[in-house]
Protein backbone atom coordinates (compact mmCIF):
# COMPACT_ATOMS: atom_id res chain seq x y z
CA MET A 1 -13.98 -44.72 -52.98
CA THR A 2 -15.26 -47.92 -51.41
CA VAL A 3 -15.93 -48.44 -47.70
CA GLU A 4 -12.91 -50.80 -47.45
CA ASN A 5 -10.60 -48.08 -48.79
CA LYS A 6 -12.11 -45.31 -46.56
CA LEU A 7 -11.76 -47.40 -43.41
CA LYS A 8 -8.41 -48.89 -44.38
CA ILE A 9 -5.97 -48.72 -41.48
CA SER A 10 -3.09 -47.48 -43.62
CA SER A 11 -5.26 -44.70 -45.08
CA ILE A 12 -6.38 -43.43 -41.65
CA LEU A 13 -2.89 -43.80 -40.17
CA ARG A 14 -1.33 -41.84 -43.03
CA LYS A 15 -3.62 -38.90 -42.30
CA SER A 16 -3.45 -39.11 -38.50
CA SER A 17 0.35 -39.50 -38.38
CA LYS A 18 0.76 -36.10 -40.06
CA ILE A 19 -1.46 -34.52 -37.41
CA SER A 20 0.45 -36.36 -34.59
CA ILE A 21 3.81 -35.09 -35.95
CA ALA A 22 2.45 -31.53 -36.00
CA ASN A 23 1.20 -31.90 -32.38
CA VAL A 24 4.57 -33.25 -31.21
CA LEU A 25 6.39 -30.46 -33.06
CA GLY A 26 4.14 -27.88 -31.45
CA TYR A 27 4.80 -29.38 -28.03
CA LEU A 28 8.60 -29.37 -28.52
CA LEU A 29 8.61 -25.78 -29.71
CA SER A 30 6.36 -24.53 -26.89
CA VAL A 31 8.42 -26.04 -24.03
CA PRO A 32 11.42 -23.60 -24.24
CA VAL A 33 9.03 -20.72 -24.79
CA GLN A 34 7.00 -21.55 -21.73
CA ILE A 35 10.21 -21.76 -19.70
CA TYR A 36 11.14 -18.27 -21.00
CA VAL A 37 7.70 -16.90 -20.14
CA ALA A 38 7.80 -18.35 -16.60
CA ARG A 39 11.22 -16.72 -16.02
CA ALA A 40 10.33 -13.41 -17.65
CA LEU A 41 7.04 -12.96 -15.70
CA GLY A 42 7.97 -14.30 -12.26
CA PRO A 43 5.63 -16.09 -9.88
CA ALA A 44 3.35 -13.06 -9.14
CA ASN A 45 2.61 -12.21 -12.80
CA TYR A 46 2.45 -15.84 -13.76
CA GLY A 47 -0.24 -16.18 -11.05
CA ILE A 48 -2.29 -13.52 -12.83
CA VAL A 49 -2.07 -15.56 -16.07
CA GLY A 50 -3.20 -18.66 -14.21
CA TYR A 51 -5.99 -16.73 -12.47
CA ILE A 52 -7.51 -15.49 -15.75
CA ALA A 53 -6.96 -18.97 -17.30
CA VAL A 54 -9.19 -20.45 -14.60
CA TRP A 55 -11.93 -18.00 -15.57
CA GLN A 56 -11.44 -18.95 -19.21
CA THR A 57 -11.72 -22.65 -18.32
CA TYR A 58 -14.98 -22.09 -16.45
CA CYS A 59 -16.37 -20.18 -19.38
CA ALA A 60 -15.48 -23.10 -21.69
CA LEU A 61 -17.11 -25.64 -19.32
CA THR A 62 -20.39 -23.79 -19.30
CA LYS A 63 -20.80 -24.04 -23.11
CA PRO A 64 -23.92 -25.97 -24.07
CA GLY A 65 -22.07 -27.87 -26.80
CA PHE A 66 -23.84 -26.89 -30.00
CA VAL A 67 -20.60 -27.34 -32.05
CA SER A 68 -19.95 -30.66 -30.29
CA ALA A 69 -23.34 -31.85 -31.44
CA LEU A 70 -22.61 -30.62 -34.96
CA SER A 71 -19.51 -32.85 -35.07
CA ARG A 72 -21.74 -35.92 -34.82
CA GLU A 73 -24.59 -34.71 -37.04
CA ILE A 74 -22.56 -33.66 -40.11
CA PRO A 75 -20.94 -37.06 -40.83
CA HIS A 76 -24.26 -38.85 -40.50
CA TYR A 77 -26.17 -36.62 -42.95
CA LEU A 78 -23.22 -36.58 -45.32
CA GLY A 79 -23.34 -40.39 -45.28
CA ASN A 80 -27.03 -40.68 -46.10
CA LYS A 81 -26.92 -37.57 -48.36
CA ASP A 82 -29.63 -35.64 -46.52
CA PHE A 83 -28.18 -32.26 -47.45
CA GLU A 84 -31.34 -30.31 -46.60
CA ARG A 85 -31.30 -31.48 -42.98
CA LEU A 86 -27.54 -31.01 -42.88
CA GLY A 87 -27.90 -27.36 -43.87
CA LEU A 88 -30.56 -26.70 -41.20
CA VAL A 89 -28.62 -28.42 -38.42
CA GLN A 90 -25.41 -26.54 -39.38
CA ARG A 91 -27.12 -23.14 -39.55
CA VAL A 92 -28.89 -23.58 -36.17
CA ALA A 93 -25.78 -24.99 -34.42
CA ILE A 94 -23.49 -22.17 -35.62
CA SER A 95 -26.06 -19.44 -34.88
CA SER A 96 -26.74 -20.84 -31.43
CA GLU A 97 -22.98 -21.17 -30.59
CA ILE A 98 -22.27 -17.61 -31.66
CA SER A 99 -25.23 -16.23 -29.68
CA TYR A 100 -24.33 -18.12 -26.47
CA THR A 101 -20.71 -16.94 -26.63
CA LEU A 102 -21.95 -13.43 -25.89
CA VAL A 103 -22.86 -14.61 -22.36
CA PRO A 104 -19.33 -15.53 -21.15
CA PHE A 105 -18.00 -12.57 -23.12
CA ALA A 106 -20.24 -10.23 -21.02
CA VAL A 107 -19.16 -12.03 -17.80
CA LEU A 108 -15.46 -11.46 -18.55
CA ILE A 109 -16.06 -7.80 -19.51
CA GLY A 110 -18.00 -7.36 -16.24
CA ALA A 111 -15.09 -8.96 -14.26
CA ALA A 112 -12.74 -6.50 -15.89
CA ILE A 113 -14.85 -3.48 -14.92
CA LEU A 114 -15.14 -4.65 -11.32
CA HIS A 115 -11.46 -5.51 -10.84
CA ASP A 116 -9.03 -3.02 -9.22
CA SER A 117 -5.88 -4.16 -10.94
CA SER A 118 -5.29 -2.60 -14.37
CA ASP A 119 -3.25 -5.64 -15.51
CA VAL A 120 -5.95 -8.06 -14.46
CA ALA A 121 -8.64 -5.90 -16.10
CA PHE A 122 -6.60 -5.75 -19.28
CA GLY A 123 -6.26 -9.55 -19.23
CA PHE A 124 -9.97 -10.05 -18.77
CA ILE A 125 -10.90 -7.74 -21.66
CA LEU A 126 -8.48 -9.35 -24.09
CA THR A 127 -9.51 -12.83 -22.91
CA ALA A 128 -13.17 -11.95 -23.63
CA PHE A 129 -12.32 -11.06 -27.23
CA THR A 130 -10.11 -14.11 -27.50
CA LEU A 131 -13.10 -16.15 -26.43
CA LEU A 132 -15.08 -14.79 -29.39
CA PHE A 133 -12.42 -15.66 -31.90
CA ASN A 134 -11.86 -19.11 -30.20
CA THR A 135 -15.53 -19.81 -30.93
CA CYS A 136 -14.79 -19.15 -34.59
CA VAL A 137 -11.74 -21.37 -34.48
CA ASP A 138 -13.66 -24.23 -32.75
CA THR A 139 -16.56 -23.94 -35.21
CA LEU A 140 -14.39 -23.95 -38.29
CA THR A 141 -12.22 -26.74 -36.97
CA THR A 142 -15.26 -28.84 -36.30
CA LEU A 143 -16.54 -28.23 -39.80
CA HIS A 144 -13.18 -29.39 -41.27
CA TRP A 145 -13.03 -32.53 -39.07
CA SER A 146 -16.70 -33.44 -39.73
CA ASN A 147 -16.38 -32.96 -43.50
CA GLN A 148 -13.14 -35.00 -43.49
CA ARG A 149 -10.97 -32.13 -44.75
CA PHE A 150 -7.95 -33.63 -43.01
CA ARG A 151 -5.50 -31.74 -45.29
CA ALA A 152 -6.81 -28.42 -43.97
CA ILE A 153 -6.56 -29.71 -40.41
CA THR A 154 -2.92 -30.78 -40.98
CA ILE A 155 -1.95 -27.46 -42.54
CA ASN A 156 -3.62 -25.65 -39.62
CA LYS A 157 -1.74 -27.78 -37.04
CA TYR A 158 1.64 -27.12 -38.60
CA ILE A 159 1.04 -23.37 -38.84
CA GLN A 160 -0.20 -23.28 -35.20
CA SER A 161 2.81 -25.29 -33.97
CA PHE A 162 5.10 -22.54 -35.19
CA LEU A 163 2.85 -19.51 -34.81
CA TYR A 164 1.87 -19.75 -31.12
CA PRO A 165 5.44 -20.13 -29.66
CA LEU A 166 6.64 -17.32 -31.92
CA LEU A 167 3.87 -14.88 -31.02
CA THR A 168 4.15 -15.67 -27.34
CA PHE A 169 7.93 -15.13 -27.29
CA VAL A 170 7.80 -11.84 -29.20
CA PHE A 171 4.84 -10.30 -27.27
CA VAL A 172 6.13 -11.34 -23.86
CA HIS A 173 9.59 -10.00 -24.68
CA VAL A 174 8.09 -6.61 -25.64
CA PHE A 175 5.07 -6.23 -23.37
CA GLU A 176 5.86 -8.67 -20.50
CA LEU A 177 2.67 -9.70 -18.65
CA ARG A 178 0.25 -8.04 -21.07
CA GLY A 179 2.07 -9.73 -23.94
CA VAL A 180 0.63 -13.12 -22.86
CA PHE A 181 -2.91 -11.85 -23.47
CA LEU A 182 -1.98 -10.03 -26.64
CA ALA A 183 -0.28 -13.14 -27.99
CA ASN A 184 -3.39 -15.30 -27.22
CA LEU A 185 -5.69 -12.81 -29.00
CA CYS A 186 -3.46 -12.36 -31.98
CA PHE A 187 -3.03 -16.19 -32.28
CA SER A 188 -6.79 -16.71 -32.11
CA VAL A 189 -7.48 -13.95 -34.76
CA LEU A 190 -4.85 -15.37 -37.16
CA SER A 191 -6.06 -18.90 -36.62
CA SER A 192 -9.64 -17.84 -37.45
CA ILE A 193 -8.49 -16.10 -40.67
CA GLN A 194 -6.37 -19.07 -41.71
CA LEU A 195 -9.13 -21.61 -41.09
CA PHE A 196 -11.66 -19.44 -42.88
CA ILE A 197 -9.39 -19.27 -45.96
CA LEU A 198 -9.13 -23.06 -46.00
CA THR A 199 -12.95 -23.41 -45.67
CA PRO A 200 -15.04 -23.86 -48.80
CA LYS A 201 -18.05 -21.54 -49.22
CA LEU A 202 -20.30 -22.12 -46.19
CA HIS A 203 -23.68 -20.96 -47.63
CA TYR A 204 -24.40 -19.85 -44.03
CA SER A 205 -27.05 -17.48 -42.95
CA PHE A 206 -28.07 -16.75 -39.35
CA GLY A 207 -31.14 -18.60 -38.26
CA ILE A 208 -32.56 -20.55 -35.27
CA GLU A 209 -35.36 -23.13 -35.58
CA ARG A 210 -36.83 -24.13 -32.15
CA GLY A 211 -37.22 -27.86 -32.70
CA THR A 212 -33.65 -28.24 -34.03
CA LEU A 213 -32.37 -25.95 -31.30
CA ARG A 214 -33.93 -28.11 -28.56
CA TYR A 215 -32.50 -31.27 -30.15
CA LEU A 216 -28.98 -29.82 -30.50
CA LEU A 217 -29.07 -28.41 -26.95
CA LYS A 218 -30.06 -31.76 -25.45
CA LEU A 219 -27.35 -33.56 -27.47
CA GLY A 220 -24.71 -30.91 -26.81
CA VAL A 221 -25.32 -30.96 -23.03
CA MET A 222 -24.96 -34.75 -22.98
CA LEU A 223 -21.74 -34.59 -25.00
CA GLN A 224 -20.42 -31.84 -22.66
CA LEU A 225 -21.30 -34.03 -19.68
CA GLY A 226 -19.22 -36.82 -21.16
CA SER A 227 -16.33 -34.49 -21.77
CA PHE A 228 -16.54 -33.20 -18.20
CA LEU A 229 -16.70 -36.69 -16.65
CA TYR A 230 -13.79 -37.81 -18.85
CA ALA A 231 -11.72 -34.79 -17.76
CA PHE A 232 -12.55 -35.58 -14.11
CA TYR A 233 -11.51 -39.22 -14.62
CA ALA A 234 -8.28 -38.14 -16.35
CA THR A 235 -7.27 -35.88 -13.43
CA LEU A 236 -8.54 -38.05 -10.58
CA ASP A 237 -5.27 -40.06 -10.27
CA ARG A 238 -3.22 -36.85 -9.81
CA THR A 239 -5.82 -35.59 -7.31
CA ILE A 240 -5.44 -38.82 -5.28
CA VAL A 241 -1.65 -38.67 -5.34
CA ALA A 242 -1.67 -34.98 -4.23
CA SER A 243 -4.09 -35.68 -1.34
CA VAL A 244 -2.24 -38.75 -0.07
CA PHE A 245 1.48 -38.38 -0.98
CA GLY A 246 2.09 -34.67 -1.28
CA MET A 247 3.67 -32.33 -3.82
CA THR A 248 6.90 -34.18 -4.55
CA ALA A 249 5.03 -37.33 -5.45
CA LEU A 250 2.59 -35.28 -7.48
CA GLY A 251 5.50 -33.89 -9.47
CA LEU A 252 6.65 -37.37 -10.28
CA TYR A 253 3.20 -38.48 -11.19
CA THR A 254 2.58 -35.40 -13.35
CA PHE A 255 5.75 -36.24 -15.22
CA VAL A 256 4.36 -39.75 -15.84
CA TYR A 257 0.99 -38.34 -16.93
CA ASN A 258 2.59 -36.03 -19.47
CA VAL A 259 4.59 -38.91 -21.04
CA ARG A 260 1.52 -41.15 -21.15
CA PHE A 261 -0.61 -38.36 -22.50
CA LYS A 262 1.78 -37.75 -25.41
CA ALA A 263 1.84 -41.51 -26.16
CA PHE A 264 -1.98 -41.71 -26.09
CA GLY A 265 -2.10 -38.66 -28.40
CA ILE A 266 -1.10 -40.99 -31.21
CA ILE A 267 -4.18 -43.18 -30.54
CA THR A 268 -6.34 -40.04 -30.12
CA ASP A 269 -5.25 -38.52 -33.43
CA PHE A 270 -6.00 -41.85 -35.18
CA GLY A 271 -9.43 -41.83 -33.53
CA ASN A 272 -10.13 -38.24 -34.48
CA VAL A 273 -9.59 -39.07 -38.17
CA LEU A 274 -11.44 -42.38 -37.96
CA ARG A 275 -14.53 -41.04 -36.17
CA PRO A 276 -16.12 -38.80 -38.96
CA VAL A 277 -15.26 -41.42 -41.61
CA PHE A 278 -16.85 -44.20 -39.58
CA TRP A 279 -19.97 -42.19 -38.77
CA SER A 280 -20.41 -41.14 -42.37
CA GLU A 281 -20.13 -44.72 -43.58
CA MET A 282 -22.53 -45.84 -40.88
CA GLY A 283 -25.04 -43.24 -42.06
CA ALA A 284 -24.60 -44.49 -45.64
CA ALA A 285 -25.01 -48.14 -44.67
CA GLY A 286 -28.03 -47.50 -42.57
CA ASP A 287 -27.13 -50.46 -40.32
CA THR A 288 -24.54 -50.68 -37.52
CA LYS A 289 -23.85 -54.30 -38.11
CA GLY A 290 -23.01 -53.71 -41.77
CA LEU A 291 -19.64 -52.33 -40.56
CA ASN A 292 -18.95 -54.90 -37.86
CA ALA A 293 -16.03 -56.46 -39.81
CA HIS A 294 -14.34 -53.09 -39.82
CA VAL A 295 -15.07 -52.55 -36.09
CA PHE A 296 -13.47 -55.94 -35.25
CA LYS A 297 -10.36 -55.40 -37.43
CA ILE A 298 -9.68 -51.79 -36.38
CA SER A 299 -10.29 -52.53 -32.72
CA LEU A 300 -7.93 -55.51 -32.61
CA ILE A 301 -5.22 -53.73 -34.51
CA LEU A 302 -5.57 -50.71 -32.21
CA VAL A 303 -5.15 -52.91 -29.10
CA ALA A 304 -2.12 -54.61 -30.60
CA ALA A 305 -0.55 -51.26 -31.64
CA ALA A 306 -1.17 -49.82 -28.18
CA GLY A 307 0.42 -52.93 -26.70
CA VAL A 308 3.56 -52.47 -28.86
CA LEU A 309 3.71 -48.76 -27.87
CA ALA A 310 3.29 -49.56 -24.19
CA ASN A 311 5.86 -52.35 -24.15
CA CYS A 312 8.30 -50.13 -26.04
CA ALA A 313 7.87 -47.38 -23.41
CA GLN A 314 8.22 -49.91 -20.65
CA ALA A 315 11.47 -51.16 -22.27
CA GLY A 316 13.14 -47.80 -22.90
CA PHE A 317 11.71 -45.28 -20.45
CA GLY A 318 13.98 -46.28 -17.57
CA PHE A 319 17.09 -45.96 -19.73
CA VAL A 320 16.18 -42.47 -20.96
CA VAL A 321 15.23 -41.16 -17.55
CA ASP A 322 18.44 -42.60 -16.02
CA ALA A 323 20.51 -40.92 -18.73
CA PHE A 324 18.87 -37.49 -18.90
CA LEU A 325 16.53 -37.06 -15.88
CA PRO A 326 17.93 -39.06 -12.98
CA LYS A 327 15.85 -37.04 -10.44
CA TYR A 328 12.79 -38.69 -11.94
CA LEU A 329 13.91 -42.32 -11.59
CA ASP A 330 11.24 -43.01 -8.95
CA ALA A 331 8.63 -42.29 -11.64
CA VAL A 332 9.76 -45.18 -13.87
CA PRO A 333 7.82 -48.04 -12.18
CA VAL A 334 4.75 -45.82 -12.07
CA LEU A 335 4.87 -45.10 -15.78
CA GLU A 336 5.47 -48.77 -16.64
CA LEU A 337 2.25 -49.72 -14.94
CA ALA A 338 0.28 -46.64 -16.15
CA MET A 339 1.07 -47.60 -19.80
CA PHE A 340 -1.40 -50.51 -19.49
CA THR A 341 -4.21 -47.97 -19.62
CA LEU A 342 -3.13 -47.17 -23.18
CA SER A 343 -4.37 -50.51 -24.51
CA LEU A 344 -7.59 -50.35 -22.52
CA GLY A 345 -8.34 -46.88 -24.01
CA ALA A 346 -7.57 -48.13 -27.49
CA ALA A 347 -9.89 -51.12 -26.95
CA SER A 348 -12.76 -48.84 -25.94
CA LEU A 349 -12.39 -46.48 -28.96
CA MET A 350 -14.49 -48.28 -31.55
CA PHE A 351 -17.30 -49.17 -29.12
CA GLU A 352 -17.43 -45.55 -27.94
CA ASN A 353 -17.74 -44.46 -31.55
CA VAL A 354 -20.67 -46.92 -32.01
CA LEU A 355 -22.45 -45.64 -28.92
CA LEU A 356 -21.97 -41.97 -29.79
CA SER A 357 -23.16 -42.38 -33.38
CA LYS A 358 -26.50 -40.83 -34.42
CA MET A 359 -27.81 -44.27 -35.41
CA VAL A 360 -27.28 -45.86 -31.97
CA ASN A 361 -27.51 -42.61 -29.93
CA LYS A 362 -26.46 -43.87 -26.53
CA VAL A 363 -24.70 -40.65 -25.71
CA ILE A 364 -25.83 -40.49 -22.06
CA VAL A 365 -24.81 -44.11 -21.48
CA SER A 366 -21.39 -43.55 -23.02
CA SER A 367 -20.92 -40.44 -20.80
CA LEU A 368 -21.96 -42.30 -17.69
CA THR A 369 -19.41 -45.06 -18.26
CA TRP A 370 -16.77 -42.47 -17.23
CA LEU A 371 -18.74 -41.99 -13.99
CA VAL A 372 -18.56 -45.75 -13.47
CA GLY A 373 -14.77 -45.51 -14.09
CA ILE A 374 -14.44 -42.67 -11.55
CA VAL A 375 -16.27 -44.61 -8.85
CA VAL A 376 -14.37 -47.84 -9.48
CA ALA A 377 -10.89 -46.38 -9.95
CA GLY A 378 -11.30 -43.81 -7.13
CA GLY A 379 -12.84 -46.38 -4.76
CA ILE A 380 -10.22 -49.05 -5.37
CA ALA A 381 -7.32 -46.48 -5.13
CA TYR A 382 -8.48 -45.09 -1.74
CA ALA A 383 -9.31 -48.56 -0.36
CA LEU A 384 -5.88 -49.96 -1.29
CA LEU A 385 -4.08 -46.86 -0.03
CA TYR A 386 -5.92 -47.19 3.25
CA LEU A 387 -4.47 -50.70 3.61
CA TYR A 388 -1.04 -49.91 2.19
CA PRO A 389 -0.58 -46.15 2.63
CA ASP A 390 3.01 -45.82 1.31
CA ASN A 391 2.71 -47.57 -2.06
CA ILE A 392 2.11 -45.11 -4.92
CA LEU A 393 2.07 -47.99 -7.45
CA LEU A 394 -1.42 -48.81 -6.18
CA VAL A 395 -2.74 -45.67 -7.95
CA PRO A 396 -1.95 -46.79 -11.52
CA MET A 397 -3.10 -50.29 -10.61
CA ALA A 398 -6.50 -48.88 -9.54
CA PHE A 399 -6.82 -46.99 -12.80
CA ILE A 400 -6.00 -50.09 -14.79
CA CYS A 401 -9.08 -51.59 -13.07
CA GLY A 402 -11.04 -48.40 -13.87
CA GLY A 403 -9.98 -48.49 -17.55
CA ALA A 404 -10.96 -52.16 -17.76
CA ILE A 405 -14.40 -51.42 -16.29
CA VAL A 406 -14.92 -48.53 -18.78
CA PHE A 407 -13.92 -50.81 -21.72
CA MET A 408 -16.17 -53.69 -20.55
CA THR A 409 -19.10 -51.33 -19.95
CA ASN A 410 -18.83 -49.76 -23.40
CA MET A 411 -18.48 -53.19 -25.01
CA LEU A 412 -21.40 -54.75 -23.09
CA VAL A 413 -23.72 -51.86 -24.01
CA ALA A 414 -22.60 -51.79 -27.66
CA TRP A 415 -22.40 -55.51 -28.31
CA ARG A 416 -25.90 -55.98 -29.70
CA TYR A 417 -25.29 -53.19 -32.23
CA VAL A 418 -22.03 -54.76 -33.41
CA PHE A 419 -22.03 -58.49 -32.96
CA ASP A 420 -24.32 -60.98 -34.79
CA SER A 421 -24.40 -63.50 -31.96
CA PRO A 422 -23.13 -64.18 -28.43
CA ARG A 423 -20.57 -66.64 -29.81
CA GLN A 424 -19.09 -63.96 -32.04
CA PHE A 425 -18.92 -61.63 -29.02
CA ILE A 426 -17.13 -64.23 -26.94
CA ARG A 427 -14.58 -64.92 -29.66
CA TYR A 428 -13.81 -61.20 -29.92
CA VAL A 429 -13.39 -60.89 -26.13
CA LEU A 430 -11.02 -63.82 -26.09
CA LEU A 431 -8.86 -62.29 -28.84
CA VAL A 432 -8.68 -58.92 -27.00
CA ALA A 433 -7.93 -60.68 -23.76
CA GLY A 434 -5.13 -62.59 -25.42
CA LEU A 435 -3.54 -59.42 -26.67
CA LEU A 436 -3.77 -57.79 -23.26
CA ILE A 437 -2.31 -60.85 -21.56
CA LEU A 438 0.57 -60.93 -24.06
CA GLN A 439 1.35 -57.30 -23.21
CA ALA A 440 1.36 -58.20 -19.51
CA VAL A 441 3.68 -61.19 -20.14
CA VAL A 442 6.11 -59.06 -22.06
CA TYR A 443 6.12 -56.55 -19.21
CA LEU A 444 6.96 -59.25 -16.67
CA LEU A 445 9.76 -60.54 -18.89
CA LEU A 446 11.13 -57.01 -19.20
CA ARG A 447 11.28 -56.84 -15.38
CA GLN A 448 13.27 -60.05 -15.32
CA ILE A 449 15.88 -58.54 -17.64
CA ASP A 450 16.51 -55.87 -15.00
CA LEU A 451 17.82 -58.60 -12.67
CA PHE A 452 20.85 -59.47 -14.74
CA ALA A 453 21.52 -56.74 -17.29
CA THR A 454 22.31 -53.04 -16.99
CA SER A 455 22.68 -49.91 -19.17
CA TRP A 456 23.04 -50.53 -22.95
CA SER A 457 22.82 -54.28 -22.74
CA ASN A 458 19.65 -53.93 -20.70
CA LEU A 459 18.08 -51.67 -23.33
CA ALA A 460 19.24 -53.85 -26.23
CA LEU A 461 17.74 -57.03 -24.65
CA LYS A 462 14.45 -55.30 -23.85
CA ILE A 463 14.04 -53.82 -27.36
CA GLY A 464 14.99 -57.19 -28.82
CA LEU A 465 12.33 -58.99 -26.66
CA VAL A 466 9.60 -56.54 -27.66
CA THR A 467 10.54 -56.83 -31.32
CA LEU A 468 10.67 -60.62 -31.19
CA VAL A 469 7.37 -61.12 -29.46
CA TRP A 470 5.24 -58.60 -31.34
CA GLY A 471 7.05 -59.17 -34.65
CA SER A 472 6.29 -62.90 -34.34
CA LEU A 473 2.70 -62.16 -33.58
CA ALA A 474 2.41 -59.91 -36.66
CA VAL A 475 3.88 -62.63 -38.90
CA VAL A 476 1.54 -65.33 -37.43
CA GLY A 477 -1.46 -62.95 -37.69
CA TYR A 478 -0.66 -62.20 -41.33
CA ARG A 479 -0.28 -65.92 -42.13
CA LEU A 480 -3.49 -66.88 -40.34
CA ALA A 481 -5.53 -63.83 -41.43
CA PRO A 482 -8.03 -65.84 -43.55
CA PHE A 483 -8.62 -68.31 -40.67
CA LEU A 484 -8.97 -65.51 -38.12
CA LYS A 485 -11.52 -63.68 -40.37
CA ARG A 486 -13.65 -66.82 -40.71
CA LEU A 487 -13.33 -67.47 -36.93
CA LEU A 488 -14.33 -63.91 -35.90
CA TYR A 489 -16.92 -63.06 -38.51
CA ALA A 490 -18.79 -66.33 -38.29
CA ALA A 491 -22.12 -65.84 -36.47
């Protein structure tokens, strides 16, 4: 299969859409089960579940990231067909991950021994064993992603979407509080078995080589740093809302976050499928600029697709909330602004992939861009709220600025690895800016419709506007595709 076919948008979308559907299905099935669990346990027992979950989260955060490092190394060595080095890296990464997992396992067992409550001790012990099997799940999942076994990932997602809610409901119904921990352990064991069945013969033997271990540890820690900073950035807006506006406003903002998170999941699933394919082809090409045409095309289409998704949400969210969740109407303006971060995240995706690749290896720079985003978004949010303390809309505005800074930082660092000349870089920036401005213009026009139309007519006019604008752009882009290619690809 040629590079063009492997990096074809329709091919990647076909694979990622199946995963997205499975994720949405799992979410829909888990909501009623979680409601049942909350009612069955009550606040006190649910607090025990949350308490042990915090310990589990801390254990996950302390992982040195050997498997995370493996997710980058495998595609590269597959691309340049260095199977000897691939085998060594895979063996050392898996062995090191398994060995390290014994540390948090021992910590959780120690916490169980020292705790007075039998229910809490039981939870700690089962969570410790769940952690061991979760390491198997994470390792096998990484192997499937990195080797581009997307069919196995899809099968796994669909099975998990049904299995976890079912196990949780049954075990909690029978064992109440302890059923939560039994369900988690049983789910982890069954997931490990299922992934192992779907995995081709590993040819794995335990072994640790010092030089490779040091390399993977350094890379894994940097990748974990990036994940931590991104998680901090992703929760900072809710932290600011809680500290300034209180719990009611936080509830509204959390509702907004959950909707935006599910929308961004579509982009994330696409990126998860794209990343190993892109890194593998980069390793085969031996040159980052050899794939710049694909970087330009995928990046622009992602920004446009995110713009359509954001404008559709801005057009229909108010109607849906008014019809089914009127208590959350105050969240509508917040979500409409927060959806702009969708396009900025999509714009950053390809440049982040370039920076994280083995060939460019700017992992620490890519990680620190989130630190820049934290400082900018947090600083602007607190400064604006100091001047205008009652306006919650200033929080998503600040994070639009933060997202723009993250995108521009990634692009400016990566540009010399992607673009052939400053002129080519400027032409790309102008095209992306045009798409972002178009999204903003559509948003402003949608707000004007609110002034003279209500209910069904309001929704129909908004959907019609979004369809007309972006549909016209798609037709024009298709007609002018040869001209745009010459314009963009010219040095």
